[in-house]
């Protein structure tokens, strides 16, 4: 390649010269021009013995004509020198040698120079000074500026690029970004501590359907290892492990299972998924799926074994109580403190012609009194019963005689029960008491 004749650049502007040269050489020449221009205006902080500016003598690209002297300050638009434009950029920029000396920097750099030079992060490029790979000429790293008086902590993202035996560096203030990331981490940690106290297992999957958050209760309920959950398994992989450990109902075949899983995820995304899993070991889980922002989905696992067992026992007790009431030959109706019918037995339904399928939910004392009056020969005989139902008084209830149509005279008794409840019984008149009989004896009678 033919040597460069510097006088051949006289007819080219700086912009034309930058376009004609290769990118790496153009950046090098621009850095040299900036450094040489600043050296004329102020002393250089580097020691002269350590300054070894690169020489490009003997290199001349083809097709160049004579131009201005490169020693003249380059100018930009409107006649403003290019170094002045760099000088007033709001982005701190500087040049650092392989010895760690700052050769030059603009005004924005001077504002943070004192704090930046006290940070060990500024020397990060020196750790890569021995790297000569052209594929990685530069890199970006984050540096922290320590607290200085009233000036709080600051963070910078520094871009360093190797050029002409030195490092061209530029910094961008990312303090707000670092504080936002720190606040986000604190928030996630707070959520994690809160979720750790829950007895409900929580598993949150991101939009790519990978596990991103879980709590300790999930480990206890699913019997999955912490190592497996910490590896961020995919949603399908997660449920496959649950199926293998019999923590979810076993599907009839694998194809059906995959189809079921697809419907499960779709329903959870819409917030419609809720199911009860009866496990082979006897445990019962309630599983719910809820959508989360940005396409995430959360699954809640709740052990309701005790709750289901309690509900079953309560239903058994209700059934037993109803059986006891049905064993009485007297018609019995029990009203709660609010005056709503809670129980009645078969004899009561037969006495007043109420089919077994009739729903008596919501029936009040007023409704019952109207029913009794309609079946009574003399509705005035029910006034003492009405007064006793309206006034809660403890102790034994008085007996009243009521004549029912087609039934004749019956004895009506109102008893006050605990909690403000009242029981009304219709049975045989005094002296005509019919003893209690078992359902078998009643059927055989």
Protein backbone atom coordinates (compact mmCIF):
# COMPACT_ATOMS: atom_id res chain seq x y z
CA UNK A 1 0.00 0.00 0.00
CA UNK A 2 1.37 3.45 -0.90
CA UNK A 3 2.37 5.81 1.91
CA UNK A 4 0.11 8.72 2.93
CA UNK A 5 1.04 12.19 1.89
CA UNK A 6 -0.44 14.44 4.57
CA UNK A 7 -0.60 17.36 2.13
CA UNK A 8 -2.97 15.31 0.00
CA UNK A 9 -5.75 15.85 2.57
CA UNK A 10 -5.96 19.63 2.06
CA UNK A 11 -8.92 19.50 -0.28
CA UNK A 12 -11.01 17.20 1.98
CA UNK A 13 -13.27 18.27 4.82
CA UNK A 14 -13.28 16.33 8.07
CA UNK A 15 -16.64 14.79 7.25
CA UNK A 16 -15.42 13.57 3.82
CA UNK A 17 -12.26 12.23 5.41
CA UNK A 18 -14.26 10.25 8.00
CA UNK A 19 -16.38 8.72 5.27
CA UNK A 20 -13.40 7.72 3.16
CA UNK A 21 -11.37 6.06 5.93
CA UNK A 22 -12.15 2.71 7.54
CA UNK A 23 -14.18 3.02 10.75
CA UNK A 24 -11.40 1.99 13.12
CA UNK A 25 -8.91 4.39 11.53
CA UNK A 26 -11.44 7.22 11.48
CA UNK A 27 -12.09 6.80 15.22
CA UNK A 28 -8.37 6.73 15.91
CA UNK A 29 -7.74 9.95 13.92
CA UNK A 30 -10.66 11.68 15.66
CA UNK A 31 -9.25 10.74 19.08
CA UNK A 32 -5.80 11.99 18.11
CA UNK A 33 -7.21 15.26 16.82
CA UNK A 34 -9.13 15.78 20.05
CA UNK A 35 -6.12 14.98 22.23
CA UNK A 36 -3.73 17.19 20.23
CA UNK A 37 -6.16 20.09 20.25
CA UNK A 38 -6.66 19.87 24.01
CA UNK A 39 -2.92 19.61 24.56
CA UNK A 40 -2.47 23.07 23.03
CA UNK A 41 -5.01 24.62 25.38
CA UNK A 42 -4.01 23.07 28.71
CA UNK A 43 -1.32 20.84 30.21
CA UNK A 44 -1.73 17.08 29.95
CA UNK A 45 -1.95 15.16 33.17
CA UNK A 46 -0.02 12.17 31.88
CA UNK A 47 3.75 12.04 32.25
CA UNK A 48 5.58 12.86 28.95
CA UNK A 49 7.67 9.70 29.24
CA UNK A 50 4.53 7.63 29.20
CA UNK A 51 2.96 9.38 26.22
CA UNK A 52 3.42 7.32 23.04
CA UNK A 53 0.99 8.64 20.48
CA UNK A 54 0.59 6.22 17.55
CA UNK A 55 2.09 7.16 14.23
CA UNK A 56 0.25 6.61 10.94
CA UNK A 57 3.10 7.72 8.69
CA UNK A 58 3.56 5.55 5.64
CA UNK A 59 -0.14 4.76 5.30
CA UNK A 60 -1.99 6.37 2.41
CA UNK A 61 -5.42 5.26 1.13
CA UNK A 62 -5.81 5.36 -2.64
CA UNK A 63 -7.74 8.16 -4.29
CA UNK A 64 -7.05 10.91 -1.72
CA UNK A 65 -6.11 14.43 -2.76
CA UNK A 66 -4.29 17.13 -0.87
CA UNK A 67 -6.29 18.67 1.98
CA UNK A 68 -5.83 20.96 4.94
CA UNK A 69 -3.25 20.38 7.62
CA UNK A 70 -4.39 17.85 10.18
CA UNK A 71 -2.91 20.03 12.88
CA UNK A 72 -5.72 22.53 12.43
CA UNK A 73 -8.67 22.09 14.80
CA UNK A 74 -11.52 20.23 13.06
CA UNK A 75 -14.72 22.16 12.80
CA UNK A 76 -18.36 21.12 12.74
CA UNK A 77 -21.41 22.91 11.44
CA UNK A 78 -21.68 26.70 11.84
CA UNK A 79 -17.89 26.89 12.24
CA UNK A 80 -17.86 25.36 15.77
CA UNK A 81 -14.72 23.30 16.37
CA UNK A 82 -15.40 19.62 16.88
CA UNK A 83 -13.47 19.50 20.14
CA UNK A 84 -15.73 22.22 21.53
CA UNK A 85 -18.71 20.06 20.73
CA UNK A 86 -17.14 17.18 22.67
CA UNK A 87 -16.24 19.58 25.45
CA UNK A 88 -19.86 20.58 26.10
CA UNK A 89 -21.48 17.16 25.71
CA UNK A 90 -23.54 16.27 28.83
CA UNK A 91 -22.03 12.76 28.73
CA UNK A 92 -18.76 12.41 30.68
CA UNK A 93 -16.01 11.26 28.28
CA UNK A 94 -12.33 10.67 28.88
CA UNK A 95 -9.23 8.85 27.57
CA UNK A 96 -7.25 6.53 29.85
CA UNK A 97 -3.92 4.93 29.12
CA UNK A 98 -2.97 1.37 29.95
CA UNK A 99 -1.12 2.78 32.97
CA UNK A 100 -4.36 4.12 34.45
CA UNK A 101 -3.60 7.77 33.69
CA UNK A 102 -6.34 10.06 32.42
CA UNK A 103 -5.01 11.83 29.35
CA UNK A 104 -8.02 13.96 28.61
CA UNK A 105 -11.69 14.49 29.50
CA UNK A 106 -14.50 16.88 28.73
CA UNK A 107 -16.29 19.29 31.08
CA UNK A 108 -18.90 16.70 32.13
CA UNK A 109 -16.05 14.42 33.19
CA UNK A 110 -14.40 17.18 35.23
CA UNK A 111 -17.58 17.46 37.35
CA UNK A 112 -17.31 13.85 38.49
CA UNK A 113 -13.55 13.34 38.15
CA UNK A 114 -12.81 13.64 41.88
CA UNK A 115 -15.42 11.07 42.86
CA UNK A 116 -14.77 8.78 39.91
CA UNK A 117 -11.03 8.57 40.54
CA UNK A 118 -11.70 7.41 44.11
CA UNK A 119 -13.67 4.47 42.78
CA UNK A 120 -11.77 1.31 41.89
CA UNK A 121 -14.30 0.66 39.14
CA UNK A 122 -12.65 3.24 36.90
CA UNK A 123 -9.70 0.87 36.39
CA UNK A 124 -11.89 -1.94 35.05
CA UNK A 125 -10.61 -1.50 31.46
CA UNK A 126 -7.05 -2.16 32.64
CA UNK A 127 -8.02 -5.75 33.44
CA UNK A 128 -8.63 -6.21 29.72
CA UNK A 129 -5.60 -4.32 28.47
CA UNK A 130 -3.88 -7.58 27.52
CA UNK A 131 -6.78 -8.60 25.29
CA UNK A 132 -5.99 -7.87 21.65
CA UNK A 133 -9.03 -9.52 20.11
CA UNK A 134 -10.43 -7.32 17.38
CA UNK A 135 -13.82 -8.99 17.82
CA UNK A 136 -14.21 -7.46 21.28
CA UNK A 137 -12.67 -3.98 21.06
CA UNK A 138 -14.99 -2.57 23.74
CA UNK A 139 -17.27 -3.46 26.62
CA UNK A 140 -19.67 -1.85 29.10
CA UNK A 141 -19.56 -2.10 32.87
CA UNK A 142 -21.25 -0.49 35.85
CA UNK A 143 -19.38 1.71 38.31
CA UNK A 144 -20.40 3.15 41.67
CA UNK A 145 -19.50 6.64 42.77
CA UNK A 146 -19.15 6.74 46.56
CA UNK A 147 -21.05 9.19 48.75
CA UNK A 148 -19.35 12.58 48.92
CA UNK A 149 -20.75 14.97 51.51
CA UNK A 150 -24.30 15.87 50.57
CA UNK A 151 -23.97 14.16 47.23
CA UNK A 152 -25.57 10.76 47.45
CA UNK A 153 -24.53 7.53 45.84
CA UNK A 154 -24.40 7.55 42.02
CA UNK A 155 -24.15 4.75 39.50
CA UNK A 156 -22.71 4.96 35.99
CA UNK A 157 -22.77 2.64 33.00
CA UNK A 158 -19.33 3.13 31.42
CA UNK A 159 -18.59 2.15 27.84
CA UNK A 160 -14.88 1.57 27.22
CA UNK A 161 -13.40 1.07 23.76
CA UNK A 162 -9.78 0.29 23.01
CA UNK A 163 -8.26 2.76 20.58
CA UNK A 164 -4.68 3.71 19.73
CA UNK A 165 -3.15 2.01 22.74
CA UNK A 166 -5.58 3.66 25.17
CA UNK A 167 -9.18 3.42 26.30
CA UNK A 168 -11.86 5.84 25.11
CA UNK A 169 -14.49 5.92 27.86
CA UNK A 170 -17.95 7.46 28.12
CA UNK A 171 -20.35 7.26 31.06
CA UNK A 172 -24.11 7.44 31.43
CA UNK A 173 -25.86 8.13 34.75
CA UNK A 174 -28.11 5.17 35.63
CA UNK A 175 -28.70 6.03 39.29
CA UNK A 176 -32.49 6.13 38.81
CA UNK A 177 -32.39 2.75 37.06
CA UNK A 178 -30.31 1.17 39.84
CA UNK A 179 -32.64 2.54 42.51
CA UNK A 180 -35.65 1.19 40.60
CA UNK A 181 -34.01 -2.24 40.33
CA UNK A 182 -33.18 -2.15 44.02
CA UNK A 183 -36.77 -1.20 44.90
CA UNK A 184 -38.02 -4.04 42.72
CA UNK A 185 -35.72 -6.53 44.47
CA UNK A 186 -36.85 -5.28 47.88
CA UNK A 187 -40.47 -5.61 46.81
CA UNK A 188 -39.92 -9.16 45.58
CA UNK A 189 -38.15 -10.04 48.83
CA UNK A 190 -41.05 -8.57 50.81
CA UNK A 191 -43.50 -10.61 48.78
CA UNK A 192 -41.37 -13.70 49.24
CA UNK A 193 -41.31 -13.23 53.03
CA UNK A 194 -45.07 -12.68 53.01
CA UNK A 195 -45.71 -15.75 50.86
CA UNK A 196 -43.45 -17.78 53.14
CA UNK A 197 -45.99 -17.35 55.96
CA UNK A 198 -48.91 -18.64 53.88
CA UNK A 199 -50.19 -22.17 54.30
CA UNK A 200 -51.39 -22.09 50.70
CA UNK A 201 -48.87 -23.28 48.11
CA UNK A 202 -48.09 -20.67 45.46
CA UNK A 203 -46.50 -21.22 42.04
CA UNK A 204 -46.20 -18.32 39.56
CA UNK A 205 -45.20 -18.93 35.94
CA UNK A 206 -44.11 -16.16 33.57
CA UNK A 207 -45.37 -15.59 30.05
CA UNK A 208 -42.94 -18.25 28.80
CA UNK A 209 -44.57 -20.66 31.28
CA UNK A 210 -41.47 -21.06 33.44
CA UNK A 211 -41.65 -21.07 37.24
CA UNK A 212 -40.40 -17.74 38.61
CA UNK A 213 -41.75 -17.69 42.17
CA UNK A 214 -42.83 -20.26 44.77
CA UNK A 215 -43.19 -20.39 48.54
CA UNK A 216 -42.20 -23.02 51.14
CA UNK A 217 -45.79 -24.27 51.48
CA UNK A 218 -45.58 -25.52 47.88
CA UNK A 219 -42.72 -27.82 48.90
CA UNK A 220 -44.80 -29.34 51.70
CA UNK A 221 -47.94 -29.80 49.61
CA UNK A 222 -46.36 -31.11 46.41
CA UNK A 223 -43.39 -33.00 47.90
CA UNK A 224 -41.21 -31.54 45.14
CA UNK A 225 -37.59 -30.77 45.95
CA UNK A 226 -36.33 -27.23 46.37
CA UNK A 227 -33.59 -27.91 43.81
CA UNK A 228 -36.16 -28.85 41.18
CA UNK A 229 -38.30 -25.77 41.80
CA UNK A 230 -35.26 -23.50 41.90
CA UNK A 231 -34.27 -24.72 38.43
CA UNK A 232 -37.28 -22.82 37.03
CA UNK A 233 -39.01 -25.80 35.39
CA UNK A 234 -41.53 -25.33 32.61
CA UNK A 235 -45.20 -25.53 33.50
CA UNK A 236 -45.69 -28.85 31.72
CA UNK A 237 -42.59 -30.28 33.44
CA UNK A 238 -43.93 -29.06 36.80
CA UNK A 239 -47.28 -30.81 36.39
CA UNK A 240 -45.59 -33.93 35.00
CA UNK A 241 -43.69 -34.21 38.29
CA UNK A 242 -46.92 -33.75 40.23
CA UNK A 243 -48.51 -36.57 38.25
CA UNK A 244 -45.48 -38.82 38.78
CA UNK A 245 -45.69 -38.25 42.55
CA UNK A 246 -49.47 -38.82 42.57
CA UNK A 247 -50.12 -35.27 43.79
CA UNK A 248 -52.85 -34.86 41.21
CA UNK A 249 -55.56 -37.19 39.86
CA UNK A 250 -54.09 -39.81 37.55
CA UNK A 251 -55.37 -39.40 33.96
CA UNK A 252 -56.61 -42.36 31.97
CA UNK A 253 -53.88 -41.96 29.36
CA UNK A 254 -51.04 -39.58 28.52
CA UNK A 255 -52.80 -38.01 25.52
CA UNK A 256 -55.81 -37.18 27.66
CA UNK A 257 -53.47 -35.76 30.28
CA UNK A 258 -51.83 -33.41 27.77
CA UNK A 259 -55.22 -32.22 26.55
CA UNK A 260 -56.35 -31.72 30.13
CA UNK A 261 -53.21 -29.70 30.89
CA UNK A 262 -53.83 -27.47 27.89
CA UNK A 263 -57.38 -26.76 29.07
CA UNK A 264 -56.08 -26.19 32.59
CA UNK A 265 -53.63 -23.49 31.47
CA UNK A 266 -56.24 -21.81 29.24
CA UNK A 267 -58.76 -21.70 32.06
CA UNK A 268 -56.15 -20.37 34.52
CA UNK A 269 -55.19 -17.63 32.07
CA UNK A 270 -58.83 -16.52 32.01
CA UNK A 271 -59.17 -16.86 35.79
CA UNK A 272 -61.75 -19.66 35.45
CA UNK A 273 -59.79 -22.65 36.71
CA UNK A 274 -60.77 -24.11 40.08
CA UNK A 275 -60.83 -27.79 40.84
CA UNK A 276 -60.74 -30.18 43.78
CA UNK A 277 -58.17 -32.95 43.61
CA UNK A 278 -58.84 -36.13 45.60
CA UNK A 279 -55.43 -37.75 45.94
CA UNK A 280 -54.79 -41.48 46.35
CA UNK A 281 -53.38 -40.91 49.83
CA UNK A 282 -56.68 -39.48 51.07
CA UNK A 283 -55.67 -35.81 50.96
CA UNK A 284 -57.91 -33.32 49.16
CA UNK A 285 -56.48 -30.22 47.46
CA UNK A 286 -58.27 -27.20 46.09
CA UNK A 287 -56.33 -25.90 43.07
CA UNK A 288 -57.04 -22.48 41.57
CA UNK A 289 -55.54 -20.69 38.58
CA UNK A 290 -55.37 -16.91 38.37
CA UNK A 291 -53.98 -14.63 35.62
CA UNK A 292 -51.18 -12.19 36.45
CA UNK A 293 -49.85 -9.12 34.61
CA UNK A 294 -47.66 -9.49 31.53
CA UNK A 295 -49.10 -12.88 30.61
CA UNK A 296 -48.04 -14.65 33.82
CA UNK A 297 -50.27 -17.17 35.56
CA UNK A 298 -50.41 -18.24 39.21
CA UNK A 299 -51.58 -21.53 40.70
CA UNK A 300 -52.74 -21.83 44.32
CA UNK A 301 -52.66 -25.18 46.11
CA UNK A 302 -54.70 -25.43 49.31
CA UNK A 303 -55.04 -28.49 51.52
CA UNK A 304 -58.74 -28.72 52.41
CA UNK A 305 -58.67 -32.25 53.83
CA UNK A 306 -59.63 -31.12 57.33
CA UNK A 307 -62.24 -28.74 55.98
CA UNK A 308 -63.87 -31.48 53.90
CA UNK A 309 -63.75 -33.89 56.85
CA UNK A 310 -65.40 -31.29 59.08
CA UNK A 311 -68.08 -30.62 56.46
CA UNK A 312 -68.78 -34.33 56.18
CA UNK A 313 -69.06 -34.70 59.95
CA UNK A 314 -71.39 -31.71 60.08
CA UNK A 315 -73.59 -33.21 57.39
CA UNK A 316 -73.64 -36.50 59.26
CA UNK A 317 -74.74 -34.70 62.41
CA UNK A 318 -77.49 -32.90 60.49
CA UNK A 319 -78.64 -36.18 59.01
CA UNK A 320 -78.62 -37.77 62.45
CA UNK A 321 -80.59 -34.87 63.93
CA UNK A 322 -83.13 -35.12 61.13
CA UNK A 323 -83.46 -38.85 61.72
CA UNK A 324 -84.08 -38.24 65.42
CA UNK A 325 -86.79 -35.69 64.66
CA UNK A 326 -88.41 -38.01 62.12
CA UNK A 327 -88.61 -40.70 64.82
CA UNK A 328 -91.11 -38.60 66.80
CA UNK A 329 -94.82 -39.07 66.11
CA UNK A 330 -95.54 -35.45 67.05
CA UNK A 331 -95.22 -32.84 64.34
CA UNK A 332 -92.20 -30.67 65.21
CA UNK A 333 -91.05 -27.36 63.73
CA UNK A 334 -87.96 -25.52 65.02
CA UNK A 335 -87.44 -21.78 64.35
CA UNK A 336 -84.17 -19.98 64.93
CA UNK A 337 -83.73 -16.66 66.76
CA UNK A 338 -84.62 -14.70 63.63
CA UNK A 339 -87.89 -16.58 63.23
CA UNK A 340 -86.84 -18.69 60.24
CA UNK A 341 -87.72 -22.36 60.04
CA UNK A 342 -84.63 -24.50 60.63
CA UNK A 343 -85.99 -28.04 60.99
CA UNK A 344 -89.23 -29.92 60.72
CA UNK A 345 -89.93 -33.62 60.80
CA UNK A 346 -91.96 -35.95 58.61
CA UNK A 347 -94.89 -35.96 61.07
CA UNK A 348 -95.14 -32.16 60.72
CA UNK A 349 -95.23 -32.40 56.92
CA UNK A 350 -97.91 -35.10 57.04
CA UNK A 351 -99.98 -33.15 59.57
CA UNK A 352 -100.16 -30.03 57.36
CA UNK A 353 -100.06 -31.74 53.97
CA UNK A 354 -96.56 -30.68 52.91
CA UNK A 355 -94.87 -33.03 50.40
CA UNK A 356 -91.35 -34.23 51.23
CA UNK A 357 -89.97 -32.48 48.16
CA UNK A 358 -91.31 -29.10 49.26
CA UNK A 359 -88.47 -26.69 50.01
CA UNK A 360 -89.17 -24.95 53.32
CA UNK A 361 -86.07 -22.75 53.23
CA UNK A 362 -86.93 -19.17 54.12
CA UNK A 363 -90.24 -20.02 55.82
CA UNK A 364 -90.85 -17.65 58.77
CA UNK A 365 -93.09 -17.85 61.82
CA UNK A 366 -95.62 -15.61 60.07
CA UNK A 367 -95.73 -18.00 57.10
CA UNK A 368 -96.16 -20.96 59.45
CA UNK A 369 -98.95 -19.24 61.41
CA UNK A 370 -100.85 -18.57 58.18
CA UNK A 371 -100.46 -22.24 57.25
CA UNK A 372 -101.72 -23.37 60.67
CA UNK A 373 -104.62 -20.93 60.60
CA UNK A 374 -105.65 -22.24 57.20
CA UNK A 375 -105.76 -25.79 58.60
CA UNK A 376 -107.48 -24.78 61.86
CA UNK A 377 -111.21 -24.72 62.57
CA UNK A 378 -110.78 -21.62 64.73
CA UNK A 379 -107.81 -19.37 63.92
CA UNK A 380 -108.35 -17.40 67.16
CA UNK A 381 -107.06 -20.40 69.07
CA UNK A 382 -103.60 -19.72 67.61
CA UNK A 383 -103.27 -16.24 69.17
CA UNK A 384 -101.61 -17.56 72.36
CA UNK A 385 -99.21 -19.50 70.14
CA UNK A 386 -98.41 -16.33 68.18
CA UNK A 387 -97.66 -14.39 71.37
CA UNK A 388 -95.34 -17.10 72.64
CA UNK A 389 -93.44 -17.15 69.37
CA UNK A 390 -93.03 -13.38 69.40
CA UNK A 391 -91.87 -13.21 73.04
CA UNK A 392 -88.82 -15.28 73.93
CA UNK A 393 -89.19 -16.64 77.44
CA UNK A 394 -87.26 -19.46 79.02
CA UNK A 395 -88.82 -22.36 80.87
CA UNK A 396 -91.52 -24.82 79.97
CA UNK A 397 -94.04 -23.82 77.38
CA UNK A 398 -97.78 -23.84 77.93
CA UNK A 399 -100.00 -26.27 76.09
CA UNK A 400 -102.70 -24.99 73.74
CA UNK A 401 -105.49 -26.92 72.12
CA UNK A 402 -106.00 -26.41 68.40
CA UNK A 403 -108.70 -28.05 66.31
CA UNK A 404 -107.39 -28.94 62.84
CA UNK A 405 -109.64 -29.62 59.91
CA UNK A 406 -110.03 -33.33 59.36
CA UNK A 407 -107.70 -34.06 62.29
CA UNK A 408 -109.67 -33.00 65.30
CA UNK A 409 -108.18 -31.46 68.44
CA UNK A 410 -104.42 -31.57 68.88
CA UNK A 411 -102.13 -30.24 71.54
CA UNK A 412 -99.76 -27.38 70.52
CA UNK A 413 -96.74 -26.64 72.69
CA UNK A 414 -94.13 -23.87 72.28
CA UNK A 415 -90.72 -24.46 73.91
CA UNK A 416 -87.89 -21.95 74.13
CA UNK A 417 -84.47 -23.36 73.20
CA UNK A 418 -80.92 -22.07 73.55
CA UNK A 419 -79.85 -19.09 71.50
CA UNK A 420 -83.36 -17.73 71.07
CA UNK A 421 -84.64 -20.71 69.08
CA UNK A 422 -88.19 -21.98 69.57
CA UNK A 423 -89.75 -25.37 69.00
CA UNK A 424 -93.43 -25.86 68.21
CA UNK A 425 -94.86 -29.37 68.54
CA UNK A 426 -98.29 -30.65 67.50
CA UNK A 427 -99.27 -33.92 69.15
CA UNK A 428 -101.92 -35.85 71.00
CA UNK A 429 -104.10 -34.12 73.57
CA UNK A 430 -103.20 -34.62 77.24
CA UNK A 431 -104.35 -38.02 78.32
CA UNK A 432 -104.06 -39.28 74.73
CA UNK A 433 -100.27 -39.26 74.56
CA UNK A 434 -98.82 -41.65 72.00
CA UNK A 435 -95.42 -43.02 73.09
CA UNK A 436 -92.41 -42.73 70.78
CA UNK A 437 -91.91 -45.60 68.40
CA UNK A 438 -89.04 -46.56 66.18
CA UNK A 439 -89.44 -46.12 62.41
CA UNK A 440 -89.60 -49.93 62.04
CA UNK A 441 -92.53 -50.18 64.49
CA UNK A 442 -94.27 -47.28 62.81
CA UNK A 443 -93.94 -49.00 59.44
CA UNK A 444 -95.28 -52.24 60.82
CA UNK A 445 -98.18 -50.53 62.56
